[in-house]
Amino acid sequence: MSARARRRTLTAGVCLLAVLAAGVGTWSVLAPQGSASSAAAETAAETTGSGRHISVVTSGALTDSKVFSGVLGYGIPSGVPGAAPGTLTWLPEPGQVIHRDEFLYAVDERGVRAMHGTVPLWRSLERGQRGTDVRQLNENLAALGYDVAQDDTFGPRTQRAVRQWQRDRGHEVTGVLTAADVAFVPGDVRVATVDGRLGQRASGDVLSVTGTKRIVLATVPQRDAERLAVGTSVRVRVNGAGAATAGEVTDVQPSAGEDAASKVDVSVSFDPGDRELPAAASAQIEAAGASEQDVLSVPVAALVATGDGGYAVDVVRRDGTTKRVAVRPGLAADGRIAVSGHVSEGDRVVVPG
């Protein structure tokens, strides 16, 4: 063989190894069956058992699952703007839970109370108005026991209820609700941080809040966002809290960290049941991806590159010798890979190493 031919052969071998190394698992590259090196390797493996394990071709479902690292927390904080005019005179403590109709903060010694809703209070609410913010107000007043219709209209009943609510809390009775009275937050909230300062004007975000339930937070690459879309069912394991439990992805947002362009922040809710959760802990989120049913599979390491761009497995005969059988690889998951070809469930295959 000429020097140029030897270099060409070496280059091709290196490229094949690189392609296999970039695949879905640990791939095995053996000499084609029938060569002297292959026969010698088979004989040595049979006689000494060195470097050879036997696995079985199995039939069943194969699911591509992936585990992401996370931490136990309360969710991604959101800001509560200081919309009431005046000077901050009271602020809650971090970790404090604020329920409906309780103080979020106080301006000029007048408390701004929490009402539940996803639409911020963007205007003063008064008779004759309609909208989602009015519906939120009516739902809150009804939850507090006032006689209102739970619709999107600020009519006479809503006005009477607002006046009574103001009277019950010692406010000036106007029948109009403003940012000095209430702020809408997503539900009962837990104070994450206090950003305002007593004695300063109420401007910008005075608080950041989260939900009150424990969740798992994870920052994952953007390429995995589809696997962890909102509503996806996952498995959650909190370190120190026992076995994994069912969970659901509830929120996905661009990462707040330095890798905002390439990563997303994922929130996963779960029901711990009677388990006592630690104050702080790491956690794992297991998310399923592609899935195939009723497939034959072998360990990924059982695949052999045949040298012609294809793959095979070494099937163990009854007499202990092996026969190389061409297969077509498919989905890989959990260290196994789907194969099709002249193999059957129960066949024993060689797993090098």
Protein backbone atom coordinates (compact mmCIF):
# COMPACT_ATOMS: atom_id res chain seq x y z
CA MET A 1 0.00 0.00 0.00
CA SER A 2 1.32 3.46 -0.93
CA ALA A 3 1.86 6.16 1.69
CA ARG A 4 -1.03 8.17 0.20
CA ALA A 5 -3.37 5.15 0.43
CA ARG A 6 -2.33 4.52 4.03
CA ARG A 7 -3.04 8.17 4.91
CA ARG A 8 -6.45 7.99 3.17
CA THR A 9 -7.39 4.83 5.09
CA LEU A 10 -6.30 6.36 8.41
CA THR A 11 -8.30 9.54 7.74
CA ALA A 12 -11.46 7.58 6.95
CA GLY A 13 -11.14 5.61 10.16
CA VAL A 14 -10.71 8.74 12.25
CA CYS A 15 -13.80 10.36 10.66
CA LEU A 16 -15.92 7.27 11.36
CA LEU A 17 -14.84 7.26 14.99
CA ALA A 18 -15.71 10.96 15.31
CA VAL A 19 -19.19 10.44 13.87
CA LEU A 20 -19.89 7.54 16.18
CA ALA A 21 -18.61 9.43 19.20
CA ALA A 22 -21.14 12.20 18.47
CA GLY A 23 -24.03 9.73 18.53
CA VAL A 24 -26.54 8.82 21.19
CA GLY A 25 -24.40 6.56 23.31
CA THR A 26 -21.20 4.56 23.56
CA TRP A 27 -20.77 2.96 20.18
CA SER A 28 -18.45 -0.01 19.51
CA VAL A 29 -16.17 -0.10 16.47
CA LEU A 30 -14.95 -3.60 15.63
CA ALA A 31 -13.30 -5.05 12.57
CA PRO A 32 -15.68 -6.58 9.98
CA GLN A 33 -16.55 -10.19 10.68
CA GLY A 34 -14.30 -12.66 8.92
CA SER A 35 -11.13 -10.64 9.37
CA ALA A 36 -8.26 -12.11 11.33
CA SER A 37 -8.55 -9.52 14.12
CA SER A 38 -12.30 -10.16 14.49
CA ALA A 39 -11.86 -13.92 14.68
CA ALA A 40 -9.08 -13.57 17.21
CA ALA A 41 -11.16 -11.24 19.36
CA GLU A 42 -14.13 -13.66 19.27
CA THR A 43 -11.95 -16.62 20.19
CA ALA A 44 -10.35 -14.74 23.08
CA ALA A 45 -13.72 -13.55 24.36
CA GLU A 46 -15.20 -17.03 24.25
CA THR A 47 -12.25 -18.72 25.87
CA THR A 48 -11.35 -16.10 28.48
CA GLY A 49 -14.51 -13.98 28.84
CA SER A 50 -12.23 -10.94 28.78
CA GLY A 51 -14.00 -7.68 27.95
CA ARG A 52 -17.26 -9.32 26.90
CA HIS A 53 -20.72 -9.22 28.46
CA ILE A 54 -23.94 -10.76 27.22
CA SER A 55 -27.27 -8.95 27.02
CA VAL A 56 -30.69 -9.97 25.73
CA VAL A 57 -32.77 -8.43 22.94
CA THR A 58 -35.93 -7.19 24.64
CA SER A 59 -39.31 -6.07 23.32
CA GLY A 60 -41.36 -3.21 24.74
CA ALA A 61 -41.70 0.54 24.95
CA LEU A 62 -38.68 2.81 24.70
CA THR A 63 -38.93 6.39 25.92
CA ASP A 64 -36.28 9.04 25.53
CA SER A 65 -36.26 10.66 28.99
CA LYS A 66 -33.94 13.36 30.25
CA VAL A 67 -33.18 14.56 33.77
CA PHE A 68 -32.66 18.24 34.61
CA SER A 69 -31.20 19.65 37.80
CA GLY A 70 -33.33 22.09 39.78
CA VAL A 71 -33.85 23.59 43.21
CA LEU A 72 -36.78 23.66 45.58
CA GLY A 73 -38.32 27.12 45.76
CA TYR A 74 -41.49 29.18 45.47
CA GLY A 75 -41.47 30.21 41.84
CA ILE A 76 -40.18 33.05 39.72
CA PRO A 77 -40.73 36.37 41.56
CA SER A 78 -42.86 39.10 40.02
CA GLY A 79 -42.84 42.76 41.00
CA VAL A 80 -45.57 44.69 42.81
CA PRO A 81 -45.39 48.29 41.61
CA GLY A 82 -45.80 51.13 44.06
CA ALA A 83 -48.69 52.78 42.25
CA ALA A 84 -50.18 54.63 45.24
CA PRO A 85 -49.02 58.25 45.49
CA GLY A 86 -47.19 59.22 48.68
CA THR A 87 -44.46 58.02 51.05
CA LEU A 88 -43.91 54.40 52.08
CA THR A 89 -44.75 54.04 55.78
CA TRP A 90 -45.01 50.23 56.13
CA LEU A 91 -43.54 47.25 54.29
CA PRO A 92 -43.85 43.50 54.94
CA GLU A 93 -40.98 41.16 55.78
CA PRO A 94 -39.43 38.70 53.29
CA GLY A 95 -41.11 35.32 53.63
CA GLN A 96 -44.41 36.82 54.83
CA VAL A 97 -47.55 35.38 53.23
CA ILE A 98 -50.18 37.92 52.18
CA HIS A 99 -53.76 36.78 51.63
CA ARG A 100 -56.67 38.47 49.91
CA ASP A 101 -57.63 41.81 51.54
CA GLU A 102 -54.42 41.97 53.60
CA PHE A 103 -51.85 44.77 53.36
CA LEU A 104 -49.20 44.62 50.65
CA TYR A 105 -47.64 47.91 51.73
CA ALA A 106 -48.76 51.26 53.18
CA VAL A 107 -48.44 54.80 51.87
CA ASP A 108 -48.99 57.78 54.16
CA GLU A 109 -50.14 55.25 56.82
CA ARG A 110 -52.90 53.92 54.56
CA GLY A 111 -52.65 50.25 53.64
CA VAL A 112 -52.84 49.08 50.03
CA ARG A 113 -54.67 45.77 50.14
CA ALA A 114 -54.20 42.65 48.00
CA MET A 115 -56.94 41.59 45.62
CA HIS A 116 -56.60 38.51 43.41
CA GLY A 117 -56.30 38.95 39.67
CA THR A 118 -53.93 38.68 36.73
CA VAL A 119 -54.71 42.08 35.19
CA PRO A 120 -53.01 44.98 37.00
CA LEU A 121 -55.09 47.88 38.28
CA TRP A 122 -54.42 50.26 35.41
CA ARG A 123 -57.24 52.76 36.16
CA SER A 124 -59.55 53.87 38.93
CA LEU A 125 -62.62 51.64 39.03
CA GLU A 126 -66.02 53.34 39.21
CA ARG A 127 -69.63 53.00 38.20
CA GLY A 128 -70.38 52.57 34.52
CA GLN A 129 -67.15 50.79 33.61
CA ARG A 130 -66.76 47.34 32.06
CA GLY A 131 -63.76 45.08 31.63
CA THR A 132 -61.64 42.26 33.00
CA ASP A 133 -60.40 44.43 35.86
CA VAL A 134 -64.03 45.06 36.88
CA ARG A 135 -64.76 41.33 36.78
CA GLN A 136 -61.75 40.73 39.02
CA LEU A 137 -63.07 43.31 41.48
CA ASN A 138 -66.54 41.73 41.53
CA GLU A 139 -65.07 38.25 42.10
CA ASN A 140 -62.99 39.54 45.01
CA LEU A 141 -65.92 41.37 46.60
CA ALA A 142 -68.04 38.22 46.28
CA ALA A 143 -65.27 36.13 47.87
CA LEU A 144 -65.26 38.60 50.79
CA GLY A 145 -69.01 38.15 51.26
CA TYR A 146 -70.39 41.25 49.53
CA ASP A 147 -73.52 41.14 47.37
CA VAL A 148 -72.35 41.62 43.79
CA ALA A 149 -72.88 40.03 40.38
CA GLN A 150 -69.70 38.30 39.24
CA ASP A 151 -69.66 39.88 35.82
CA ASP A 152 -67.56 42.55 34.08
CA THR A 153 -69.90 45.46 34.85
CA PHE A 154 -69.45 48.09 37.57
CA GLY A 155 -73.14 48.66 38.25
CA PRO A 156 -75.16 49.83 41.26
CA ARG A 157 -74.57 46.59 43.20
CA THR A 158 -70.81 46.86 42.74
CA GLN A 159 -70.88 50.51 43.80
CA ARG A 160 -72.82 49.67 46.98
CA ALA A 161 -70.41 46.84 47.75
CA VAL A 162 -67.37 49.09 47.24
CA ARG A 163 -68.82 51.74 49.51
CA GLN A 164 -69.51 49.15 52.19
CA TRP A 165 -66.01 47.68 51.80
CA GLN A 166 -64.52 51.18 52.24
CA ARG A 167 -66.70 51.82 55.28
CA ASP A 168 -65.75 48.49 56.88
CA ARG A 169 -62.04 49.33 56.55
CA GLY A 170 -62.19 52.90 57.71
CA HIS A 171 -61.51 54.44 54.32
CA GLU A 172 -63.14 57.50 52.87
CA VAL A 173 -66.43 56.28 51.35
CA THR A 174 -66.38 57.27 47.68
CA GLY A 175 -67.62 54.22 45.79
CA VAL A 176 -64.48 54.44 43.63
CA LEU A 177 -61.45 52.17 43.99
CA THR A 178 -57.97 53.52 43.21
CA ALA A 179 -54.35 52.37 43.45
CA ALA A 180 -54.33 53.85 46.95
CA ASP A 181 -56.88 51.18 47.95
CA VAL A 182 -55.92 47.91 46.26
CA ALA A 183 -53.44 46.15 43.98
CA PHE A 184 -54.13 42.99 42.01
CA VAL A 185 -51.75 40.05 42.60
CA PRO A 186 -52.05 36.50 41.14
CA GLY A 187 -53.39 34.99 44.38
CA ASP A 188 -52.14 34.54 47.91
CA VAL A 189 -48.49 35.53 47.66
CA ARG A 190 -45.25 35.13 49.56
CA VAL A 191 -42.89 38.11 49.79
CA ALA A 192 -39.62 37.22 48.06
CA THR A 193 -37.83 40.56 48.39
CA VAL A 194 -38.63 44.04 49.69
CA ASP A 195 -37.32 46.58 47.21
CA GLY A 196 -38.90 49.78 48.51
CA ARG A 197 -37.55 51.80 51.44
CA LEU A 198 -39.51 53.38 54.26
CA GLY A 199 -39.60 57.14 53.95
CA GLN A 200 -39.16 57.05 50.19
CA ARG A 201 -41.72 57.62 47.49
CA ALA A 202 -43.70 54.59 46.37
CA SER A 203 -42.29 54.19 42.86
CA GLY A 204 -41.02 51.27 40.85
CA ASP A 205 -41.46 47.79 42.31
CA VAL A 206 -41.81 48.03 46.08
CA LEU A 207 -42.00 44.23 46.50
CA SER A 208 -41.35 41.07 44.57
CA VAL A 209 -43.65 38.16 45.34
CA THR A 210 -44.09 34.48 44.47
CA GLY A 211 -46.81 31.92 45.00
CA THR A 212 -47.12 30.23 48.38
CA LYS A 213 -46.71 26.61 47.21
CA ARG A 214 -43.35 24.90 46.97
CA ILE A 215 -42.27 24.21 43.40
CA VAL A 216 -39.09 23.14 41.63
CA LEU A 217 -37.21 25.65 39.51
CA ALA A 218 -34.73 24.74 36.79
CA THR A 219 -32.74 26.67 34.20
CA VAL A 220 -32.42 24.58 31.04
CA PRO A 221 -31.03 25.10 27.52
CA GLN A 222 -33.40 26.63 25.00
CA ARG A 223 -33.23 23.45 22.91
CA ASP A 224 -35.02 21.57 25.72
CA ALA A 225 -37.87 24.09 26.04
CA GLU A 226 -40.16 21.99 23.84
CA ARG A 227 -39.62 18.97 26.09
CA LEU A 228 -40.65 21.13 29.08
CA ALA A 229 -43.56 23.08 27.60
CA VAL A 230 -46.25 24.43 29.95
CA GLY A 231 -48.66 21.63 30.86
CA THR A 232 -46.13 18.83 30.37
CA SER A 233 -46.30 16.01 32.93
CA VAL A 234 -42.95 15.22 34.55
CA ARG A 235 -41.49 13.33 37.52
CA VAL A 236 -40.00 15.32 40.40
CA ARG A 237 -37.54 14.12 43.01
CA VAL A 238 -36.58 16.44 45.89
CA ASN A 239 -33.38 15.34 47.58
CA GLY A 240 -34.10 14.32 51.15
CA ALA A 241 -37.86 13.99 50.58
CA GLY A 242 -38.24 10.39 49.44
CA ALA A 243 -39.32 8.90 46.13
CA ALA A 244 -40.18 10.79 42.97
CA THR A 245 -43.68 12.19 42.55
CA ALA A 246 -45.78 13.45 39.66
CA GLY A 247 -45.39 17.09 38.62
CA GLU A 248 -46.45 19.51 35.91
CA VAL A 249 -44.66 22.36 34.14
CA THR A 250 -46.55 25.53 35.07
CA ASP A 251 -44.36 28.32 33.71
CA VAL A 252 -41.54 28.83 31.21
CA GLN A 253 -39.79 32.18 30.86
CA PRO A 254 -36.57 33.47 29.30
CA SER A 255 -33.78 33.05 31.80
CA ALA A 256 -33.12 36.00 34.09
CA GLY A 257 -29.41 35.10 34.23
CA GLU A 258 -26.50 35.89 31.97
CA ASP A 259 -27.50 33.17 29.49
CA ALA A 260 -30.93 34.66 28.80
CA ALA A 261 -30.58 34.18 25.05
CA SER A 262 -29.80 30.46 25.25
CA LYS A 263 -31.65 29.27 28.37
CA VAL A 264 -35.12 29.32 29.91
CA ASP A 265 -36.37 29.23 33.51
CA VAL A 266 -38.87 26.43 34.12
CA SER A 267 -41.29 26.15 37.06
CA VAL A 268 -42.72 22.75 38.01
CA SER A 269 -45.54 22.28 40.51
CA PHE A 270 -46.02 19.03 42.41
CA ASP A 271 -48.01 17.64 45.30
CA PRO A 272 -45.72 16.52 48.14
CA GLY A 273 -48.61 14.87 49.97
CA ASP A 274 -47.74 14.21 53.60
CA ARG A 275 -44.01 14.57 53.02
CA GLU A 276 -42.12 17.15 55.01
CA LEU A 277 -40.07 19.18 52.56
CA PRO A 278 -36.71 20.63 53.61
CA ALA A 279 -36.30 24.40 53.82
CA ALA A 280 -33.92 24.25 50.86
CA ALA A 281 -32.86 21.38 48.64
CA SER A 282 -31.71 20.41 45.18
CA ALA A 283 -34.10 18.49 42.97
CA GLN A 284 -34.34 16.59 39.70
CA ILE A 285 -36.95 16.87 36.97
CA GLU A 286 -37.38 13.86 34.69
CA ALA A 287 -39.07 14.72 31.40
CA ALA A 288 -40.04 12.23 28.73
CA GLY A 289 -39.37 12.92 25.08
CA ALA A 290 -39.97 10.74 22.05
CA SER A 291 -41.47 7.32 22.67
CA GLU A 292 -41.88 4.15 20.63
CA GLN A 293 -44.01 1.14 21.53
CA ASP A 294 -43.36 -2.56 20.91
CA VAL A 295 -39.81 -2.21 19.63
CA LEU A 296 -36.84 -4.52 19.93
CA SER A 297 -33.90 -2.95 21.73
CA VAL A 298 -30.33 -3.72 22.78
CA PRO A 299 -27.78 -1.83 24.85
CA VAL A 300 -26.29 1.01 22.78
CA ALA A 301 -22.83 -0.44 23.38
CA ALA A 302 -23.85 -3.66 21.60
CA LEU A 303 -23.94 -1.86 18.25
CA VAL A 304 -21.01 -2.58 15.95
CA ALA A 305 -19.98 -0.34 13.06
CA THR A 306 -19.63 -2.61 10.02
CA GLY A 307 -17.31 -0.35 8.05
CA ASP A 308 -19.75 0.24 5.20
CA GLY A 309 -21.79 2.88 7.02
CA GLY A 310 -24.10 0.32 8.58
CA TYR A 311 -24.41 -1.33 11.98
CA ALA A 312 -24.74 -4.82 13.35
CA VAL A 313 -24.89 -6.81 16.56
CA ASP A 314 -23.02 -9.98 17.43
CA VAL A 315 -25.62 -12.64 18.25
CA VAL A 316 -24.44 -15.53 20.43
CA ARG A 317 -25.19 -18.96 18.98
CA ARG A 318 -26.07 -21.98 21.07
CA ASP A 319 -22.52 -23.31 20.79
CA GLY A 320 -21.09 -20.04 22.18
CA THR A 321 -19.80 -18.68 18.89
CA THR A 322 -21.21 -15.46 17.47
CA LYS A 323 -22.83 -14.38 14.23
CA ARG A 324 -22.75 -10.78 13.11
CA VAL A 325 -26.26 -9.66 12.11
CA ALA A 326 -26.97 -6.38 10.34
CA VAL A 327 -29.48 -4.12 12.09
CA ARG A 328 -30.96 -0.68 11.59
CA PRO A 329 -30.72 1.50 14.74
CA GLY A 330 -33.61 3.72 15.83
CA LEU A 331 -34.59 5.65 18.96
CA ALA A 332 -32.03 5.59 21.78
CA ALA A 333 -33.05 6.04 25.41
CA ASP A 334 -31.78 5.10 28.84
CA GLY A 335 -28.73 3.34 27.46
CA ARG A 336 -30.69 1.19 24.99
CA ILE A 337 -31.42 1.60 21.30
CA ALA A 338 -34.21 0.28 19.10
CA VAL A 339 -33.06 -2.09 16.35
CA SER A 340 -34.73 -3.79 13.42
CA GLY A 341 -33.40 -6.59 11.24
CA HIS A 342 -32.89 -10.33 11.57
CA VAL A 343 -32.94 -10.40 15.37
CA SER A 344 -35.66 -11.64 17.69
CA GLU A 345 -36.76 -11.09 21.25
CA GLY A 346 -34.64 -13.23 23.56
CA ASP A 347 -31.59 -13.33 21.30
CA ARG A 348 -28.37 -12.92 23.25
CA VAL A 349 -25.97 -10.26 21.98
CA VAL A 350 -22.40 -9.33 22.85
CA VAL A 351 -21.78 -6.06 24.72
CA PRO A 352 -18.07 -5.25 24.51
CA GLY A 353 -16.30 -3.80 27.50
